[in-house]
Amino acid sequence: MDRYFKSLKKTRGKLFGFPNVIGVGVGYKKTGAESTGEPSFVVYVQNKIPVEHLSRNQVIPGKVNGLLTDVVEIGVVKMLGVRTTRCRPCQPGVSIGHYKSTAGTFGAVVKDKQTGDLMILSNNHVLANGSSFQEAKAKVGDPVLQPGPYDGGTLDDRVGTLYRYVPLGKNVFESDCPIATAVARGGNKILGLVRQNYEIRFYKRNNTENTVDCAIAKVDAQDLVQAKILEIGEITGVAEAEPGMVVQKSGRTSGISSGEIKSVGTTLQVEMSDEEKVWFTDQVVTEMSSQPGDSGSLVLDRDRKVVGLLFAGSDKMTVFNRITNVIDRLGVEF
């Protein structure tokens, strides 16, 4: 390839002279999705413009200095760290979090149905620190930071305050029943005589079914946020998730990804931590990839209609709440 690199150095100035060209490299010519195996100058443009909309001298030639050209639309190339840094106005797709939490993803700008106030939508475990019926780890009015604390956010980076969340229901938790506590205390006194390293505890089972992991924060000022989703664009509506539908998300950690929905109406066990497992019902499972920190991302179809709110995943699949459940439980609208 050395001779092609030398040719590129002589030619790139000419190629950068064409409108919309933001990059040039050496690769193999592709026809459709198939490589022809023929060396070419790969010319990266921000957007492909139809030939009929260009003048003759604006059209990139099929060959330059005897080498084929392959025009590829690459979009806007940005430093990936932009998702984890402070940005104002901030927008869906970037880092956000409760001031005592780590960091997740700013999912969307929504409106409270009762007041019409602008709200930031994300997960409970992002904006409300994973608060459950059994343990409130956050309270209404707590600061919400952009970026989240894990990404260096401090109280000086506050963009809003926790406004409403749906508590999570743990399936098994330590009992606070006075009778159970008294029995455990008496049992431990007896047990301590023969097994000092053992302890009796009583746990209670809870039949609560979780359908959402969601919360909203009220923005401090309207000009602190914008509704356009980073690298996706404006939301066009709301739709129901269906098997086989291709969906996409814009997340703090892995950016843009897409994949096909595998199942809907799914009941699934989800790990909140190494010690806690929680059951969720009526969930959507998709082959779209995600990583820790993408929690809270809005999930949309190809037409940019909202279908869900991402909250969990494995190294193979991603799980999200149905958006109609989120809307109903939080009392919001897009």
Protein backbone atom coordinates (compact mmCIF):
# COMPACT_ATOMS: atom_id res chain seq x y z
CA MET A 1 0.00 0.00 0.00
CA ASP A 2 3.01 2.31 0.32
CA ARG A 3 2.73 3.64 -3.22
CA TYR A 4 -0.92 4.48 -2.66
CA PHE A 5 -0.06 6.40 0.51
CA LYS A 6 2.50 8.43 -1.45
CA SER A 7 -0.10 9.11 -4.11
CA LEU A 8 -2.57 10.15 -1.40
CA LYS A 9 -0.20 12.81 -0.06
CA LYS A 10 -0.02 14.35 -3.52
CA THR A 11 -3.77 14.07 -4.15
CA ARG A 12 -5.52 14.87 -0.87
CA GLY A 13 -5.26 18.64 -1.36
CA LYS A 14 -7.21 18.32 -4.61
CA LEU A 15 -9.86 16.09 -2.99
CA PHE A 16 -10.30 18.44 -0.03
CA GLY A 17 -11.15 21.12 -2.57
CA PHE A 18 -14.49 19.45 -3.28
CA PRO A 19 -17.47 20.63 -1.19
CA ASN A 20 -18.53 18.56 1.83
CA VAL A 21 -15.28 16.50 1.92
CA ILE A 22 -13.98 16.13 5.50
CA GLY A 23 -11.58 13.20 5.14
CA VAL A 24 -9.53 11.12 2.69
CA GLY A 25 -7.84 7.73 3.10
CA VAL A 26 -6.75 4.61 1.24
CA GLY A 27 -8.92 1.49 1.19
CA TYR A 28 -10.75 -0.87 -1.11
CA LYS A 29 -13.60 0.13 -3.41
CA LYS A 30 -17.03 -1.10 -2.37
CA THR A 31 -20.04 -1.69 -4.58
CA GLY A 32 -23.04 -1.78 -2.29
CA ALA A 33 -21.93 -3.76 0.77
CA GLU A 34 -19.38 -5.84 -1.16
CA SER A 35 -15.69 -5.02 -1.46
CA THR A 36 -14.29 -5.25 -5.00
CA GLY A 37 -10.76 -5.70 -3.69
CA GLU A 38 -9.58 -2.80 -5.84
CA PRO A 39 -7.48 -0.10 -4.09
CA SER A 40 -9.16 3.29 -3.97
CA PHE A 41 -9.11 6.71 -2.41
CA VAL A 42 -11.87 6.61 0.25
CA VAL A 43 -13.36 10.10 0.29
CA TYR A 44 -15.39 10.89 3.42
CA VAL A 45 -18.21 13.44 3.12
CA GLN A 46 -20.39 14.75 5.92
CA ASN A 47 -23.52 14.16 3.83
CA LYS A 48 -23.97 12.62 0.39
CA ILE A 49 -25.55 15.11 -1.99
CA PRO A 50 -27.35 13.84 -5.11
CA VAL A 51 -25.28 14.42 -8.25
CA GLU A 52 -28.10 16.38 -9.87
CA HIS A 53 -27.79 18.97 -7.09
CA LEU A 54 -24.10 19.58 -7.82
CA SER A 55 -22.44 21.49 -10.61
CA ARG A 56 -20.08 19.57 -12.87
CA ASN A 57 -16.92 20.82 -11.16
CA GLN A 58 -18.30 19.82 -7.72
CA VAL A 59 -18.68 16.12 -8.55
CA ILE A 60 -15.83 13.93 -7.24
CA PRO A 61 -14.35 12.03 -10.24
CA GLY A 62 -14.58 8.25 -10.41
CA LYS A 63 -10.79 8.18 -10.68
CA VAL A 64 -8.08 10.53 -9.45
CA ASN A 65 -4.46 10.09 -10.56
CA GLY A 66 -5.34 6.67 -11.92
CA LEU A 67 -6.89 5.40 -8.67
CA LEU A 68 -10.60 4.73 -8.11
CA THR A 69 -12.53 6.88 -5.62
CA ASP A 70 -15.10 5.62 -3.14
CA VAL A 71 -17.32 8.33 -1.63
CA VAL A 72 -18.52 7.44 1.88
CA GLU A 73 -20.96 9.40 4.07
CA ILE A 74 -19.48 9.61 7.57
CA GLY A 75 -21.57 12.34 9.23
CA VAL A 76 -20.14 14.76 11.79
CA VAL A 77 -17.00 13.36 13.44
CA LYS A 78 -16.73 14.40 17.10
CA MET A 79 -14.49 13.64 20.04
CA LEU A 80 -16.27 10.82 21.85
CA GLY A 81 -15.64 12.43 25.24
CA VAL A 82 -18.32 15.02 24.47
CA ARG A 83 -20.90 12.69 26.03
CA THR A 84 -19.16 12.72 29.41
CA THR A 85 -18.26 16.40 29.63
CA ARG A 86 -20.26 19.44 30.74
CA CYS A 87 -22.33 20.94 27.91
CA ARG A 88 -24.80 23.82 27.92
CA PRO A 89 -27.38 23.53 26.71
CA CYS A 90 -27.18 19.81 27.46
CA GLN A 91 -29.14 17.36 25.37
CA PRO A 92 -30.38 13.77 25.44
CA GLY A 93 -27.56 11.28 24.96
CA VAL A 94 -25.06 12.82 27.41
CA SER A 95 -23.98 12.02 30.96
CA ILE A 96 -26.31 12.89 33.84
CA GLY A 97 -26.94 11.69 37.38
CA HIS A 98 -28.25 12.20 40.91
CA TYR A 99 -25.63 13.99 43.00
CA LYS A 100 -25.04 10.84 45.11
CA SER A 101 -25.10 8.46 42.17
CA THR A 102 -22.58 7.66 39.41
CA ALA A 103 -23.66 8.53 35.86
CA GLY A 104 -26.23 7.44 33.33
CA THR A 105 -27.81 8.92 30.22
CA PHE A 106 -30.06 11.96 29.79
CA GLY A 107 -32.94 10.25 27.96
CA ALA A 108 -35.27 13.01 26.77
CA VAL A 109 -36.86 16.37 27.45
CA VAL A 110 -40.51 15.86 28.41
CA LYS A 111 -43.33 17.93 29.91
CA ASP A 112 -45.23 17.30 33.10
CA LYS A 113 -48.88 16.84 32.07
CA GLN A 114 -50.22 18.80 35.04
CA THR A 115 -47.89 21.80 35.13
CA GLY A 116 -46.42 21.88 31.62
CA ASP A 117 -42.95 22.31 33.15
CA LEU A 118 -39.93 20.97 31.27
CA MET A 119 -38.47 17.78 32.71
CA ILE A 120 -35.44 15.56 32.14
CA LEU A 121 -36.37 11.90 31.69
CA SER A 122 -34.08 9.05 32.69
CA ASN A 123 -34.07 6.00 35.00
CA ASN A 124 -34.83 5.88 38.70
CA HIS A 125 -31.36 4.44 39.28
CA VAL A 126 -29.83 7.40 37.41
CA LEU A 127 -31.88 10.35 38.76
CA ALA A 128 -33.16 8.90 42.08
CA ASN A 129 -30.14 6.76 43.03
CA GLY A 130 -32.05 3.46 42.76
CA SER A 131 -34.69 4.31 45.37
CA SER A 132 -37.05 1.46 46.26
CA PHE A 133 -40.23 1.06 48.31
CA GLN A 134 -38.04 -0.38 51.05
CA GLU A 135 -35.22 2.20 50.90
CA ALA A 136 -35.49 5.80 49.69
CA LYS A 137 -31.98 6.73 48.56
CA ALA A 138 -33.11 10.11 47.22
CA LYS A 139 -35.76 12.71 47.89
CA VAL A 140 -37.68 15.19 45.74
CA GLY A 141 -35.59 18.34 45.33
CA ASP A 142 -32.22 16.56 45.29
CA PRO A 143 -29.72 18.05 42.79
CA VAL A 144 -29.29 16.43 39.38
CA LEU A 145 -25.93 17.04 37.72
CA GLN A 146 -24.68 17.17 34.14
CA PRO A 147 -22.26 15.49 33.78
CA GLY A 148 -22.97 12.88 36.45
CA PRO A 149 -20.64 12.57 39.47
CA TYR A 150 -18.72 9.65 37.95
CA ASP A 151 -17.75 11.93 35.05
CA GLY A 152 -16.61 14.73 37.34
CA GLY A 153 -19.91 16.52 37.91
CA THR A 154 -20.19 18.62 41.07
CA LEU A 155 -22.95 20.74 42.59
CA ASP A 156 -21.75 23.56 40.34
CA ASP A 157 -22.95 21.42 37.39
CA ARG A 158 -26.55 21.23 38.58
CA VAL A 159 -29.16 21.40 35.79
CA GLY A 160 -32.26 20.45 37.75
CA THR A 161 -33.77 18.72 40.76
CA LEU A 162 -35.45 15.37 41.25
CA TYR A 163 -39.19 15.87 40.74
CA ARG A 164 -40.86 12.45 40.56
CA TYR A 165 -39.83 8.79 40.40
CA VAL A 166 -41.39 5.34 40.47
CA PRO A 167 -39.91 3.37 43.40
CA LEU A 168 -38.44 -0.03 42.59
CA GLY A 169 -39.91 -3.07 44.33
CA LYS A 170 -37.29 -5.47 45.72
CA ASN A 171 -38.48 -9.06 45.67
CA VAL A 172 -36.64 -10.09 48.85
CA PHE A 173 -35.56 -7.70 51.61
CA GLU A 174 -34.71 -7.79 55.33
CA SER A 175 -37.84 -7.70 57.47
CA ASP A 176 -38.53 -4.82 59.84
CA CYS A 177 -41.37 -6.69 61.56
CA PRO A 178 -41.07 -6.26 65.40
CA ILE A 179 -41.95 -9.92 66.00
CA ALA A 180 -39.39 -11.17 63.46
CA THR A 181 -36.77 -8.81 64.95
CA ALA A 182 -37.44 -10.10 68.47
CA VAL A 183 -37.29 -13.74 67.36
CA ALA A 184 -34.02 -13.11 65.51
CA ARG A 185 -32.53 -11.34 68.56
CA GLY A 186 -33.45 -14.22 70.88
CA GLY A 187 -32.26 -16.81 68.38
CA ASN A 188 -28.92 -15.06 67.97
CA LYS A 189 -28.34 -15.12 71.75
CA ILE A 190 -28.78 -18.88 71.80
CA LEU A 191 -26.86 -19.39 68.54
CA GLY A 192 -23.98 -17.29 69.88
CA LEU A 193 -23.36 -19.89 72.58
CA VAL A 194 -22.50 -22.59 70.03
CA ARG A 195 -21.79 -20.78 66.72
CA GLN A 196 -20.33 -17.34 67.27
CA ASN A 197 -19.76 -16.61 63.58
CA TYR A 198 -23.41 -17.20 62.61
CA GLU A 199 -26.37 -14.82 62.68
CA ILE A 200 -30.11 -15.27 62.19
CA ARG A 201 -31.94 -12.78 59.97
CA PHE A 202 -35.50 -12.80 58.64
CA TYR A 203 -36.26 -11.75 55.07
CA LYS A 204 -39.63 -10.86 53.57
CA ARG A 205 -40.79 -11.72 50.09
CA ASN A 206 -42.53 -8.98 48.07
CA ASN A 207 -44.85 -9.75 45.17
CA THR A 208 -44.58 -6.25 43.65
CA GLU A 209 -44.08 -6.40 39.86
CA ASN A 210 -41.74 -3.80 38.41
CA THR A 211 -42.70 -2.53 34.97
CA VAL A 212 -40.55 0.62 34.85
CA ASP A 213 -37.26 2.07 36.07
CA CYS A 214 -37.92 5.76 35.51
CA ALA A 215 -37.73 9.24 37.00
CA ILE A 216 -37.91 12.88 36.00
CA ALA A 217 -36.02 15.98 37.12
CA LYS A 218 -37.35 19.52 36.81
CA VAL A 219 -34.91 21.72 34.90
CA ASP A 220 -33.62 24.84 36.65
CA ALA A 221 -34.03 26.93 33.49
CA GLN A 222 -35.35 26.19 30.00
CA ASP A 223 -32.16 27.34 28.28
CA LEU A 224 -30.11 24.69 30.10
CA VAL A 225 -31.49 21.89 27.90
CA GLN A 226 -32.43 21.21 24.30
CA ALA A 227 -34.75 18.44 23.10
CA LYS A 228 -32.78 17.25 20.06
CA ILE A 229 -31.21 13.84 20.74
CA LEU A 230 -27.46 13.77 20.18
CA GLU A 231 -26.67 12.27 16.74
CA ILE A 232 -30.29 11.16 16.20
CA GLY A 233 -32.33 14.35 16.00
CA GLU A 234 -35.86 15.42 16.86
CA ILE A 235 -38.47 12.99 18.19
CA THR A 236 -41.35 12.52 15.72
CA GLY A 237 -43.89 10.77 17.93
CA VAL A 238 -44.59 7.70 20.07
CA ALA A 239 -45.04 4.10 18.90
CA GLU A 240 -45.48 0.60 20.34
CA ALA A 241 -42.51 -1.78 20.29
CA GLU A 242 -43.05 -4.91 18.18
CA PRO A 243 -40.96 -8.04 17.57
CA GLY A 244 -38.70 -7.60 14.53
CA MET A 245 -38.74 -3.78 14.74
CA VAL A 246 -35.31 -2.14 14.35
CA VAL A 247 -34.64 0.33 17.15
CA GLN A 248 -31.85 2.75 18.03
CA LYS A 249 -30.50 4.69 20.99
CA SER A 250 -28.01 7.46 21.80
CA GLY A 251 -26.19 6.64 25.04
CA ARG A 252 -23.53 8.15 27.27
CA THR A 253 -21.11 5.23 26.94
CA SER A 254 -21.57 3.49 23.60
CA GLY A 255 -23.10 6.35 21.60
CA ILE A 256 -25.33 5.31 18.72
CA SER A 257 -26.33 1.67 18.34
CA SER A 258 -29.24 -0.17 16.78
CA GLY A 259 -30.70 -3.65 16.62
CA GLU A 260 -33.80 -5.76 16.18
CA ILE A 261 -36.38 -6.36 18.90
CA LYS A 262 -36.25 -9.99 20.01
CA SER A 263 -39.30 -10.12 22.31
CA VAL A 264 -41.99 -8.02 23.98
CA GLY A 265 -44.09 -8.64 27.12
CA THR A 266 -41.00 -10.17 28.68
CA THR A 267 -40.62 -11.13 32.37
CA LEU A 268 -36.96 -11.00 33.34
CA GLN A 269 -34.67 -11.16 36.36
CA VAL A 270 -32.34 -8.16 36.54
CA GLU A 271 -29.35 -7.69 38.86
CA MET A 272 -29.42 -4.32 40.66
CA SER A 273 -26.09 -5.24 42.29
CA ASP A 274 -24.09 -8.39 43.01
CA GLU A 275 -26.34 -9.05 46.02
CA GLU A 276 -29.74 -7.92 44.69
CA LYS A 277 -31.86 -9.39 41.92
CA VAL A 278 -35.17 -7.80 40.91
CA TRP A 279 -37.93 -9.11 38.63
CA PHE A 280 -39.37 -6.94 35.87
CA THR A 281 -42.45 -7.67 33.76
CA ASP A 282 -43.73 -6.34 30.42
CA GLN A 283 -40.21 -5.55 29.20
CA VAL A 284 -38.78 -5.39 25.67
CA VAL A 285 -35.59 -7.27 24.78
CA THR A 286 -33.53 -6.21 21.77
CA GLU A 287 -30.31 -7.28 20.07
CA MET A 288 -29.16 -3.63 20.15
CA SER A 289 -25.85 -3.30 22.02
CA SER A 290 -25.38 -1.16 25.13
CA GLN A 291 -22.90 -0.71 27.97
CA PRO A 292 -22.94 0.47 31.60
CA GLY A 293 -23.73 4.19 31.62
CA ASP A 294 -26.20 3.91 28.72
CA SER A 295 -29.03 3.47 31.24
CA GLY A 296 -31.70 6.12 30.72
CA SER A 297 -31.27 6.30 26.95
CA LEU A 298 -34.43 6.82 24.94
CA VAL A 299 -35.16 4.00 22.47
CA LEU A 300 -36.63 4.99 19.09
CA ASP A 301 -37.66 3.27 15.87
CA ARG A 302 -36.20 4.11 12.45
CA ASP A 303 -38.70 6.98 12.08
CA ARG A 304 -37.49 8.50 15.38
CA LYS A 305 -40.69 7.57 17.21
CA VAL A 306 -40.16 6.76 20.88
CA VAL A 307 -40.78 3.14 21.87
CA GLY A 308 -38.99 2.76 25.20
CA LEU A 309 -36.55 3.71 27.95
CA LEU A 310 -33.36 1.64 28.24
CA PHE A 311 -32.47 0.47 31.76
CA ALA A 312 -30.58 -2.84 31.63
CA GLY A 313 -28.60 -5.17 29.44
CA SER A 314 -26.13 -8.03 29.16
CA ASP A 315 -23.14 -8.50 26.87
CA LYS A 316 -25.57 -9.89 24.27
CA MET A 317 -28.90 -8.09 24.67
CA THR A 318 -30.44 -4.79 25.85
CA VAL A 319 -33.66 -4.42 27.87
CA PHE A 320 -36.00 -1.44 27.93
CA ASN A 321 -39.33 -0.35 29.45
CA ARG A 322 -42.29 0.17 27.13
CA ILE A 323 -42.64 3.93 26.73
CA THR A 324 -46.42 3.89 27.32
CA ASN A 325 -45.79 2.44 30.80
CA VAL A 326 -43.24 5.18 31.51
CA ILE A 327 -45.59 7.93 30.31
CA ASP A 328 -48.48 6.60 32.39
CA ARG A 329 -46.50 6.12 35.60
CA LEU A 330 -44.71 9.47 35.47
CA GLY A 331 -47.55 11.57 34.04
CA VAL A 332 -45.48 13.12 31.24
CA GLU A 333 -45.77 13.80 27.54
CA PHE A 334 -43.38 14.40 24.64
